[in-house]
Amino acid sequence: MTQTVSVALMDALTGGLEIHDLGRPLTVGMPQSPNHPAYWHALPRRHGDMVRADGGSAANDIITMGTHVGTHIDALSHVSQDGKLFGGLDAADALEGGRYLQLGAHTIEPMVRRGVLLDVPAMRGVQRLEAGEEITVADLEATLARQGTEIRPGDVVLVRSGWGQHFDSGDGDTFRGLTTGVPGVGEAGASWLAAQGIHATGADTIAYERLQPGAGHGLLPAHRVLLVESGIYIIETMDLEGIAAAGVHEFLFILSPLKLVGATGSPVRPLAVVGQ
């Protein structure tokens, strides 16, 4: 944690905190990519199934899900290009005993960093971007200029498209955008973000980057640029509506993945903290 972040955190603690929860609730049937196992929750034991002598009882749960379902972070082992992972690591060599012990989710350090929100729809003067629309370098630069914010090395940059409104409304088919496409950062935008030296980036969409109409997840060039070429983590399916409505563009970003040894991703509950 840098000195700047430490000072910001202490200032926030002494002056009061406003916390924006950027994670989505995990519910059975929520919108998700069809490429991953769905979230499922059940109660194998309910109150009353077993009652102790003193009348006490306990319920417990079982959860199954893919690691790229709901709000989650991509580990650097998630994507390869021509058989290579980040740093030129051979993907086959990274797999040991059925787990990616190198670059797996357990290697992602907890994040306590400066966060920046780029509210692209606000810059455009619209409620949300259109299906399949690319967020360009010009869009990113114009958003920074409008907000009067800057990106610094080591930041976590969150890009709002407004597409998360479809998740909120329960319109899962539109949120997935398999036929219509989904707005997001393109290859050029990803390269521009990487050049800023950021640590991670996230979005309010299902796959972070722009999905072309009808293409589904067939091509994901921004994933290649960020994960494979630059070692920059990607956070997907974020809830950015509340923080955007509050007009917050700079904050203390906190995120901690589960230590899922060898996994290619992890569910997360990211927080944006600002002083009151």
C-alpha atoms as a PDB file:
ATOM      1  CA  MET A   1       0.000   0.000   0.000  1.00  0.00           C
ATOM      2  CA  THR A   2       1.530   3.302  -1.071  1.00  0.00           C
ATOM      3  CA  GLN A   3       1.979   6.281   1.228  1.00  0.00           C
ATOM      4  CA  THR A   4      -0.653   8.213  -0.733  1.00  0.00           C
ATOM      5  CA  VAL A   5      -3.214   5.438  -0.288  1.00  0.00           C
ATOM      6  CA  SER A   6      -2.323   5.137   3.412  1.00  0.00           C
ATOM      7  CA  VAL A   7      -2.919   8.848   3.982  1.00  0.00           C
ATOM      8  CA  ALA A   8      -6.196   8.720   2.060  1.00  0.00           C
ATOM      9  CA  LEU A   9      -7.371   5.772   4.126  1.00  0.00           C
ATOM     10  CA  MET A  10      -6.533   7.431   7.436  1.00  0.00           C
ATOM     11  CA  ASP A  11      -8.194  10.675   6.360  1.00  0.00           C
ATOM     12  CA  ALA A  12     -11.320   8.743   5.421  1.00  0.00           C
ATOM     13  CA  LEU A  13     -11.362   6.895   8.751  1.00  0.00           C
ATOM     14  CA  THR A  14     -11.126  10.089  10.791  1.00  0.00           C
ATOM     15  CA  GLY A  15     -13.679  11.985   8.722  1.00  0.00           C
ATOM     16  CA  GLY A  16     -16.262   9.256   8.249  1.00  0.00           C
ATOM     17  CA  LEU A  17     -16.720   6.807   5.411  1.00  0.00           C
ATOM     18  CA  GLU A  18     -19.070   6.414   2.490  1.00  0.00           C
ATOM     19  CA  ILE A  19     -18.879   2.912   1.077  1.00  0.00           C
ATOM     20  CA  HIS A  20     -20.123   1.970  -2.386  1.00  0.00           C
ATOM     21  CA  ASP A  21     -20.648  -1.757  -2.863  1.00  0.00           C
ATOM     22  CA  LEU A  22     -19.601  -2.585  -6.431  1.00  0.00           C
ATOM     23  CA  GLY A  23     -20.474  -6.281  -6.257  1.00  0.00           C
ATOM     24  CA  ARG A  24     -23.599  -7.966  -7.581  1.00  0.00           C
ATOM     25  CA  PRO A  25     -25.775 -10.172  -5.371  1.00  0.00           C
ATOM     26  CA  LEU A  26     -25.372 -13.880  -6.119  1.00  0.00           C
ATOM     27  CA  THR A  27     -28.774 -15.351  -6.953  1.00  0.00           C
ATOM     28  CA  VAL A  28     -29.918 -18.500  -8.716  1.00  0.00           C
ATOM     29  CA  GLY A  29     -30.769 -17.652 -12.322  1.00  0.00           C
ATOM     30  CA  MET A  30     -28.796 -14.406 -12.484  1.00  0.00           C
ATOM     31  CA  PRO A  31     -27.404 -13.354 -15.871  1.00  0.00           C
ATOM     32  CA  GLN A  32     -24.071 -14.973 -16.683  1.00  0.00           C
ATOM     33  CA  SER A  33     -21.932 -16.152 -19.524  1.00  0.00           C
ATOM     34  CA  PRO A  34     -23.094 -19.524 -20.901  1.00  0.00           C
ATOM     35  CA  ASN A  35     -19.442 -20.592 -20.964  1.00  0.00           C
ATOM     36  CA  HIS A  36     -19.344 -21.108 -17.188  1.00  0.00           C
ATOM     37  CA  PRO A  37     -21.172 -23.310 -14.659  1.00  0.00           C
ATOM     38  CA  ALA A  38     -24.199 -21.525 -13.239  1.00  0.00           C
ATOM     39  CA  TYR A  39     -24.548 -20.385  -9.652  1.00  0.00           C
ATOM     40  CA  TRP A  40     -26.622 -22.718  -7.491  1.00  0.00           C
ATOM     41  CA  HIS A  41     -27.505 -22.470  -3.830  1.00  0.00           C
ATOM     42  CA  ALA A  42     -29.363 -25.000  -1.697  1.00  0.00           C
ATOM     43  CA  LEU A  43     -29.918 -25.816   1.971  1.00  0.00           C
ATOM     44  CA  PRO A  44     -29.036 -29.464   2.650  1.00  0.00           C
ATOM     45  CA  ARG A  45     -30.029 -28.925   6.265  1.00  0.00           C
ATOM     46  CA  ARG A  46     -32.833 -26.662   7.436  1.00  0.00           C
ATOM     47  CA  HIS A  47     -33.886 -25.588  10.902  1.00  0.00           C
ATOM     48  CA  GLY A  48     -35.726 -28.463  12.479  1.00  0.00           C
ATOM     49  CA  ASP A  49     -34.032 -31.205  10.442  1.00  0.00           C
ATOM     50  CA  MET A  50     -31.905 -31.838  13.497  1.00  0.00           C
ATOM     51  CA  VAL A  51     -32.806 -30.394  16.894  1.00  0.00           C
ATOM     52  CA  ARG A  52     -30.417 -30.491  19.835  1.00  0.00           C
ATOM     53  CA  ALA A  53     -31.467 -31.527  23.303  1.00  0.00           C
ATOM     54  CA  ASP A  54     -31.773 -27.878  24.372  1.00  0.00           C
ATOM     55  CA  GLY A  55     -34.039 -27.022  21.399  1.00  0.00           C
ATOM     56  CA  GLY A  56     -31.318 -25.405  19.303  1.00  0.00           C
ATOM     57  CA  SER A  57     -31.040 -26.047  15.583  1.00  0.00           C
ATOM     58  CA  ALA A  58     -28.795 -24.981  12.713  1.00  0.00           C
ATOM     59  CA  ALA A  59     -29.156 -24.606   8.950  1.00  0.00           C
ATOM     60  CA  ASN A  60     -26.345 -24.857   6.427  1.00  0.00           C
ATOM     61  CA  ASP A  61     -25.761 -24.356   2.733  1.00  0.00           C
ATOM     62  CA  ILE A  62     -24.119 -25.765  -0.345  1.00  0.00           C
ATOM     63  CA  ILE A  63     -23.029 -23.507  -3.193  1.00  0.00           C
ATOM     64  CA  THR A  64     -21.777 -24.451  -6.656  1.00  0.00           C
ATOM     65  CA  MET A  65     -20.670 -21.962  -9.286  1.00  0.00           C
ATOM     66  CA  GLY A  66     -18.089 -21.164 -11.885  1.00  0.00           C
ATOM     67  CA  THR A  67     -15.328 -18.809 -10.828  1.00  0.00           C
ATOM     68  CA  HIS A  68     -16.308 -16.402 -13.642  1.00  0.00           C
ATOM     69  CA  VAL A  69     -19.936 -15.988 -12.557  1.00  0.00           C
ATOM     70  CA  GLY A  70     -21.300 -12.876 -10.870  1.00  0.00           C
ATOM     71  CA  THR A  71     -18.859 -10.125  -9.955  1.00  0.00           C
ATOM     72  CA  HIS A  72     -15.445 -11.735 -10.317  1.00  0.00           C
ATOM     73  CA  ILE A  73     -11.803 -11.148 -11.144  1.00  0.00           C
ATOM     74  CA  ASP A  74      -9.839 -12.887 -13.897  1.00  0.00           C
ATOM     75  CA  ALA A  75      -6.524 -14.375 -12.832  1.00  0.00           C
ATOM     76  CA  LEU A  76      -3.634 -14.157 -15.272  1.00  0.00           C
ATOM     77  CA  SER A  77      -4.039 -17.882 -15.928  1.00  0.00           C
ATOM     78  CA  HIS A  78      -7.478 -17.291 -17.452  1.00  0.00           C
ATOM     79  CA  VAL A  79      -6.402 -16.451 -21.011  1.00  0.00           C
ATOM     80  CA  SER A  80      -3.542 -17.640 -23.193  1.00  0.00           C
ATOM     81  CA  GLN A  81      -2.385 -16.577 -26.624  1.00  0.00           C
ATOM     82  CA  ASP A  82      -0.687 -19.083 -28.910  1.00  0.00           C
ATOM     83  CA  GLY A  83      -0.167 -21.340 -25.914  1.00  0.00           C
ATOM     84  CA  LYS A  84       1.473 -18.664 -23.770  1.00  0.00           C
ATOM     85  CA  LEU A  85       0.321 -16.944 -20.594  1.00  0.00           C
ATOM     86  CA  PHE A  86       1.544 -13.620 -19.199  1.00  0.00           C
ATOM     87  CA  GLY A  87       5.322 -13.344 -19.102  1.00  0.00           C
ATOM     88  CA  GLY A  88       5.744 -15.916 -21.865  1.00  0.00           C
ATOM     89  CA  LEU A  89       4.892 -18.770 -19.513  1.00  0.00           C
ATOM     90  CA  ASP A  90       3.905 -21.917 -21.372  1.00  0.00           C
ATOM     91  CA  ALA A  91       0.278 -22.665 -20.506  1.00  0.00           C
ATOM     92  CA  ALA A  92       0.958 -26.390 -20.382  1.00  0.00           C
ATOM     93  CA  ASP A  93       3.852 -25.886 -17.953  1.00  0.00           C
ATOM     94  CA  ALA A  94       1.688 -23.704 -15.688  1.00  0.00           C
ATOM     95  CA  LEU A  95      -0.826 -26.538 -15.246  1.00  0.00           C
ATOM     96  CA  GLU A  96       0.222 -28.843 -12.421  1.00  0.00           C
ATOM     97  CA  GLY A  97      -2.069 -31.550 -11.108  1.00  0.00           C
ATOM     98  CA  GLY A  98      -5.095 -30.010 -12.761  1.00  0.00           C
ATOM     99  CA  ARG A  99      -4.461 -26.552 -11.280  1.00  0.00           C
ATOM    100  CA  TYR A 100      -2.690 -23.415 -12.451  1.00  0.00           C
ATOM    101  CA  LEU A 101      -0.258 -23.125  -9.568  1.00  0.00           C
ATOM    102  CA  GLN A 102       1.462 -20.350 -11.469  1.00  0.00           C
ATOM    103  CA  LEU A 103      -0.679 -17.240 -12.107  1.00  0.00           C
ATOM    104  CA  GLY A 104      -3.740 -18.802 -10.442  1.00  0.00           C
ATOM    105  CA  ALA A 105      -6.312 -16.840  -8.431  1.00  0.00           C
ATOM    106  CA  HIS A 106      -4.404 -17.543  -5.215  1.00  0.00           C
ATOM    107  CA  THR A 107      -1.547 -15.385  -6.530  1.00  0.00           C
ATOM    108  CA  ILE A 108      -3.702 -12.231  -6.797  1.00  0.00           C
ATOM    109  CA  GLU A 109      -2.765  -9.984  -3.886  1.00  0.00           C
ATOM    110  CA  PRO A 110      -5.529  -8.093  -2.036  1.00  0.00           C
ATOM    111  CA  MET A 111      -6.014  -4.637  -3.546  1.00  0.00           C
ATOM    112  CA  VAL A 112      -6.065  -1.423  -1.531  1.00  0.00           C
ATOM    113  CA  ARG A 113      -5.435   1.129  -4.242  1.00  0.00           C
ATOM    114  CA  ARG A 114      -6.555   4.380  -5.765  1.00  0.00           C
ATOM    115  CA  GLY A 115      -9.610   3.791  -7.909  1.00  0.00           C
ATOM    116  CA  VAL A 116     -10.930   5.841 -10.816  1.00  0.00           C
ATOM    117  CA  LEU A 117     -14.386   5.600 -12.379  1.00  0.00           C
ATOM    118  CA  LEU A 118     -14.703   6.566 -16.038  1.00  0.00           C
ATOM    119  CA  ASP A 119     -18.404   7.333 -16.551  1.00  0.00           C
ATOM    120  CA  VAL A 120     -18.601   7.181 -20.343  1.00  0.00           C
ATOM    121  CA  PRO A 121     -22.418   7.587 -20.666  1.00  0.00           C
ATOM    122  CA  ALA A 122     -22.271  10.764 -18.555  1.00  0.00           C
ATOM    123  CA  MET A 123     -19.621  12.138 -20.902  1.00  0.00           C
ATOM    124  CA  ARG A 124     -21.818  11.273 -23.882  1.00  0.00           C
ATOM    125  CA  GLY A 125     -24.942  12.704 -22.237  1.00  0.00           C
ATOM    126  CA  VAL A 126     -26.838   9.405 -22.484  1.00  0.00           C
ATOM    127  CA  GLN A 127     -28.291   6.915 -20.011  1.00  0.00           C
ATOM    128  CA  ARG A 128     -26.244   4.015 -21.356  1.00  0.00           C
ATOM    129  CA  LEU A 129     -24.260   3.032 -24.428  1.00  0.00           C
ATOM    130  CA  GLU A 130     -25.761   1.084 -27.310  1.00  0.00           C
ATOM    131  CA  ALA A 131     -25.427  -2.657 -27.854  1.00  0.00           C
ATOM    132  CA  GLY A 132     -22.092  -3.579 -29.427  1.00  0.00           C
ATOM    133  CA  GLU A 133     -20.755  -0.021 -29.187  1.00  0.00           C
ATOM    134  CA  GLU A 134     -17.002   0.357 -28.770  1.00  0.00           C
ATOM    135  CA  ILE A 135     -15.535   2.580 -26.076  1.00  0.00           C
ATOM    136  CA  THR A 136     -12.650   4.213 -27.893  1.00  0.00           C
ATOM    137  CA  VAL A 137      -9.473   5.915 -26.751  1.00  0.00           C
ATOM    138  CA  ALA A 138     -11.128   9.234 -27.583  1.00  0.00           C
ATOM    139  CA  ASP A 139     -14.035   8.300 -25.295  1.00  0.00           C
ATOM    140  CA  LEU A 140     -11.697   7.477 -22.431  1.00  0.00           C
ATOM    141  CA  GLU A 141      -9.731  10.694 -22.839  1.00  0.00           C
ATOM    142  CA  ALA A 142     -12.883  12.802 -23.161  1.00  0.00           C
ATOM    143  CA  THR A 143     -14.328  11.224 -20.020  1.00  0.00           C
ATOM    144  CA  LEU A 144     -11.203  12.002 -18.029  1.00  0.00           C
ATOM    145  CA  ALA A 145     -11.270  15.599 -19.277  1.00  0.00           C
ATOM    146  CA  ARG A 146     -14.948  16.051 -18.405  1.00  0.00           C
ATOM    147  CA  GLN A 147     -14.473  14.640 -14.922  1.00  0.00           C
ATOM    148  CA  GLY A 148     -11.210  16.462 -14.274  1.00  0.00           C
ATOM    149  CA  THR A 149      -9.592  13.214 -13.171  1.00  0.00           C
ATOM    150  CA  GLU A 150      -6.335  11.533 -14.115  1.00  0.00           C
ATOM    151  CA  ILE A 151      -5.063   7.967 -14.261  1.00  0.00           C
ATOM    152  CA  ARG A 152      -1.881   7.224 -12.312  1.00  0.00           C
ATOM    153  CA  PRO A 153       0.361   4.151 -12.417  1.00  0.00           C
ATOM    154  CA  GLY A 154      -0.954   1.420 -10.140  1.00  0.00           C
ATOM    155  CA  ASP A 155      -4.573   2.609 -10.265  1.00  0.00           C
ATOM    156  CA  VAL A 156      -7.643   0.443 -10.666  1.00  0.00           C
ATOM    157  CA  VAL A 157      -9.731   1.925 -13.494  1.00  0.00           C
ATOM    158  CA  LEU A 158     -13.437   1.100 -13.711  1.00  0.00           C
ATOM    159  CA  VAL A 159     -15.268   1.795 -16.968  1.00  0.00           C
ATOM    160  CA  ARG A 160     -19.022   2.366 -16.813  1.00  0.00           C
ATOM    161  CA  SER A 161     -21.106   1.739 -19.923  1.00  0.00           C
ATOM    162  CA  GLY A 162     -24.513   1.796 -18.230  1.00  0.00           C
ATOM    163  CA  TRP A 163     -25.138  -1.727 -19.517  1.00  0.00           C
ATOM    164  CA  GLY A 164     -25.452  -2.947 -15.941  1.00  0.00           C
ATOM    165  CA  GLN A 165     -28.949  -1.434 -15.927  1.00  0.00           C
ATOM    166  CA  HIS A 166     -30.078  -4.542 -17.798  1.00  0.00           C
ATOM    167  CA  PHE A 167     -28.779  -6.718 -14.952  1.00  0.00           C
ATOM    168  CA  ASP A 168     -30.727  -4.580 -12.474  1.00  0.00           C
ATOM    169  CA  SER A 169     -33.916  -4.877 -14.521  1.00  0.00           C
ATOM    170  CA  GLY A 170     -33.644  -8.673 -14.735  1.00  0.00           C
ATOM    171  CA  ASP A 171     -33.258  -8.584 -18.537  1.00  0.00           C
ATOM    172  CA  GLY A 172     -30.658 -11.328 -18.641  1.00  0.00           C
ATOM    173  CA  ASP A 173     -30.797 -11.919 -22.389  1.00  0.00           C
ATOM    174  CA  THR A 174     -30.033  -8.285 -23.153  1.00  0.00           C
ATOM    175  CA  PHE A 175     -27.299  -8.149 -20.509  1.00  0.00           C
ATOM    176  CA  ARG A 176     -25.601 -11.182 -22.055  1.00  0.00           C
ATOM    177  CA  GLY A 177     -25.995  -9.669 -25.520  1.00  0.00           C
ATOM    178  CA  LEU A 178     -25.222 -12.894 -27.373  1.00  0.00           C
ATOM    179  CA  THR A 179     -27.021 -11.708 -30.515  1.00  0.00           C
ATOM    180  CA  THR A 180     -27.144  -7.934 -30.036  1.00  0.00           C
ATOM    181  CA  GLY A 181     -23.650  -7.380 -28.703  1.00  0.00           C
ATOM    182  CA  VAL A 182     -22.476  -5.548 -25.584  1.00  0.00           C
ATOM    183  CA  PRO A 183     -20.721  -2.162 -25.324  1.00  0.00           C
ATOM    184  CA  GLY A 184     -17.209  -2.013 -23.949  1.00  0.00           C
ATOM    185  CA  VAL A 185     -13.568  -1.133 -24.352  1.00  0.00           C
ATOM    186  CA  GLY A 186     -12.014  -2.262 -27.621  1.00  0.00           C
ATOM    187  CA  GLU A 187      -8.499  -3.449 -28.356  1.00  0.00           C
ATOM    188  CA  ALA A 188      -7.194   0.085 -28.830  1.00  0.00           C
ATOM    189  CA  GLY A 189      -8.758   1.240 -25.570  1.00  0.00           C
ATOM    190  CA  ALA A 190      -7.251  -1.698 -23.707  1.00  0.00           C
ATOM    191  CA  SER A 191      -3.807  -0.887 -25.115  1.00  0.00           C
ATOM    192  CA  TRP A 192      -4.228   2.741 -24.065  1.00  0.00           C
ATOM    193  CA  LEU A 193      -5.207   1.740 -20.524  1.00  0.00           C
ATOM    194  CA  ALA A 194      -2.260  -0.656 -20.317  1.00  0.00           C
ATOM    195  CA  ALA A 195       0.080   2.153 -21.351  1.00  0.00           C
ATOM    196  CA  GLN A 196      -1.051   4.115 -18.287  1.00  0.00           C
ATOM    197  CA  GLY A 197       0.503   1.450 -16.058  1.00  0.00           C
ATOM    198  CA  ILE A 198      -2.710   0.492 -14.270  1.00  0.00           C
ATOM    199  CA  HIS A 199      -2.941  -2.512 -11.947  1.00  0.00           C
ATOM    200  CA  ALA A 200      -6.462  -3.669 -12.799  1.00  0.00           C
ATOM    201  CA  THR A 201      -9.542  -2.580 -14.690  1.00  0.00           C
ATOM    202  CA  GLY A 202     -13.206  -3.463 -14.439  1.00  0.00           C
ATOM    203  CA  ALA A 203     -16.564  -2.843 -16.061  1.00  0.00           C
ATOM    204  CA  ASP A 204     -20.301  -3.289 -15.580  1.00  0.00           C
ATOM    205  CA  THR A 205     -20.622  -5.839 -18.381  1.00  0.00           C
ATOM    206  CA  ILE A 206     -20.386  -9.600 -18.697  1.00  0.00           C
ATOM    207  CA  ALA A 207     -17.012  -9.776 -20.434  1.00  0.00           C
ATOM    208  CA  TYR A 208     -15.485  -6.330 -19.801  1.00  0.00           C
ATOM    209  CA  GLU A 209     -14.783  -5.591 -23.437  1.00  0.00           C
ATOM    210  CA  ARG A 210     -16.956  -4.851 -26.433  1.00  0.00           C
ATOM    211  CA  LEU A 211     -18.815  -7.883 -27.795  1.00  0.00           C
ATOM    212  CA  GLN A 212     -19.670  -7.587 -31.451  1.00  0.00           C
ATOM    213  CA  PRO A 213     -23.305  -8.247 -32.415  1.00  0.00           C
ATOM    214  CA  GLY A 214     -23.790 -11.936 -33.095  1.00  0.00           C
ATOM    215  CA  ALA A 215     -20.200 -12.840 -32.203  1.00  0.00           C
ATOM    216  CA  GLY A 216     -20.754 -13.763 -28.562  1.00  0.00           C
ATOM    217  CA  HIS A 217     -17.426 -14.390 -26.848  1.00  0.00           C
ATOM    218  CA  GLY A 218     -15.779 -15.549 -30.084  1.00  0.00           C
ATOM    219  CA  LEU A 219     -13.128 -12.819 -30.074  1.00  0.00           C
ATOM    220  CA  LEU A 220     -11.787 -11.093 -26.945  1.00  0.00           C
ATOM    221  CA  PRO A 221      -8.801  -8.968 -27.995  1.00  0.00           C
ATOM    222  CA  ALA A 222      -8.890  -6.724 -24.916  1.00  0.00           C
ATOM    223  CA  HIS A 223      -8.467  -9.804 -22.717  1.00  0.00           C
ATOM    224  CA  ARG A 224      -5.339 -10.687 -24.659  1.00  0.00           C
ATOM    225  CA  VAL A 225      -3.930  -7.169 -24.340  1.00  0.00           C
ATOM    226  CA  LEU A 226      -4.674  -6.857 -20.625  1.00  0.00           C
ATOM    227  CA  LEU A 227      -4.148 -10.344 -19.202  1.00  0.00           C
ATOM    228  CA  VAL A 228      -1.587 -11.921 -21.513  1.00  0.00           C
ATOM    229  CA  GLU A 229       0.458  -9.006 -22.788  1.00  0.00           C
ATOM    230  CA  SER A 230       0.263  -6.628 -19.822  1.00  0.00           C
ATOM    231  CA  GLY A 231      -0.474  -8.628 -16.661  1.00  0.00           C
ATOM    232  CA  ILE A 232      -3.448  -6.416 -15.793  1.00  0.00           C
ATOM    233  CA  TYR A 233      -6.339  -8.016 -13.921  1.00  0.00           C
ATOM    234  CA  ILE A 234      -9.908  -7.756 -15.239  1.00  0.00           C
ATOM    235  CA  ILE A 235     -12.997  -7.414 -13.020  1.00  0.00           C
ATOM    236  CA  GLU A 236     -16.365  -8.139 -14.631  1.00  0.00           C
ATOM    237  CA  THR A 237     -20.106  -7.815 -13.921  1.00  0.00           C
ATOM    238  CA  MET A 238     -19.636  -4.901 -11.536  1.00  0.00           C
ATOM    239  CA  ASP A 239     -22.404  -2.685 -10.158  1.00  0.00           C
ATOM    240  CA  LEU A 240     -21.361   0.837 -11.094  1.00  0.00           C
ATOM    241  CA  GLU A 241     -24.747   2.565 -11.113  1.00  0.00           C
ATOM    242  CA  GLY A 242     -24.730   3.734  -7.496  1.00  0.00           C
ATOM    243  CA  ILE A 243     -21.269   5.218  -7.510  1.00  0.00           C
ATOM    244  CA  ALA A 244     -21.970   6.936 -10.842  1.00  0.00           C
ATOM    245  CA  ALA A 245     -25.222   8.417  -9.509  1.00  0.00           C
ATOM    246  CA  ALA A 246     -23.274   9.769  -6.529  1.00  0.00           C
ATOM    247  CA  GLY A 247     -20.851  11.507  -8.899  1.00  0.00           C
ATOM    248  CA  VAL A 248     -17.829   9.789  -7.355  1.00  0.00           C
ATOM    249  CA  HIS A 249     -14.905   9.448  -9.748  1.00  0.00           C
ATOM    250  CA  GLU A 250     -11.929   8.950  -7.393  1.00  0.00           C
ATOM    251  CA  PHE A 251     -11.924   6.673  -4.362  1.00  0.00           C
ATOM    252  CA  LEU A 252     -10.087   4.105  -2.319  1.00  0.00           C
ATOM    253  CA  PHE A 253     -10.612   0.763  -4.039  1.00  0.00           C
ATOM    254  CA  ILE A 254     -10.633  -2.412  -1.944  1.00  0.00           C
ATOM    255  CA  LEU A 255     -10.843  -5.947  -3.310  1.00  0.00           C
ATOM    256  CA  SER A 256      -9.717  -9.323  -2.015  1.00  0.00           C
ATOM    257  CA  PRO A 257     -10.112 -12.516  -4.063  1.00  0.00           C
ATOM    258  CA  LEU A 258     -10.699 -15.877  -2.458  1.00  0.00           C
ATOM    259  CA  LYS A 259      -7.521 -17.946  -2.193  1.00  0.00           C
ATOM    260  CA  LEU A 260      -8.711 -20.534  -4.697  1.00  0.00           C
ATOM    261  CA  VAL A 261      -5.468 -22.384  -5.352  1.00  0.00           C
ATOM    262  CA  GLY A 262      -4.895 -22.915  -9.052  1.00  0.00           C
ATOM    263  CA  ALA A 263      -8.191 -21.345 -10.151  1.00  0.00           C
ATOM    264  CA  THR A 264      -8.504 -19.059 -13.173  1.00  0.00           C
ATOM    265  CA  GLY A 265     -10.681 -16.545 -11.365  1.00  0.00           C
ATOM    266  CA  SER A 266     -12.488 -15.747  -8.143  1.00  0.00           C
ATOM    267  CA  PRO A 267     -15.787 -14.224  -7.025  1.00  0.00           C
ATOM    268  CA  VAL A 268     -15.189 -10.840  -5.382  1.00  0.00           C
ATOM    269  CA  ARG A 269     -17.053  -8.075  -3.596  1.00  0.00           C
ATOM    270  CA  PRO A 270     -15.204  -4.867  -4.488  1.00  0.00           C
ATOM    271  CA  LEU A 271     -15.726  -1.708  -2.458  1.00  0.00           C
ATOM    272  CA  ALA A 272     -15.174   1.969  -3.244  1.00  0.00           C
ATOM    273  CA  VAL A 273     -14.515   4.027  -0.118  1.00  0.00           C
ATOM    274  CA  VAL A 274     -14.674   7.816   0.036  1.00  0.00           C
ATOM    275  CA  GLY A 275     -14.495  10.246   2.933  1.00  0.00           C
ATOM    276  CA  GLN A 276     -17.603  12.178   3.920  1.00  0.00           C
END
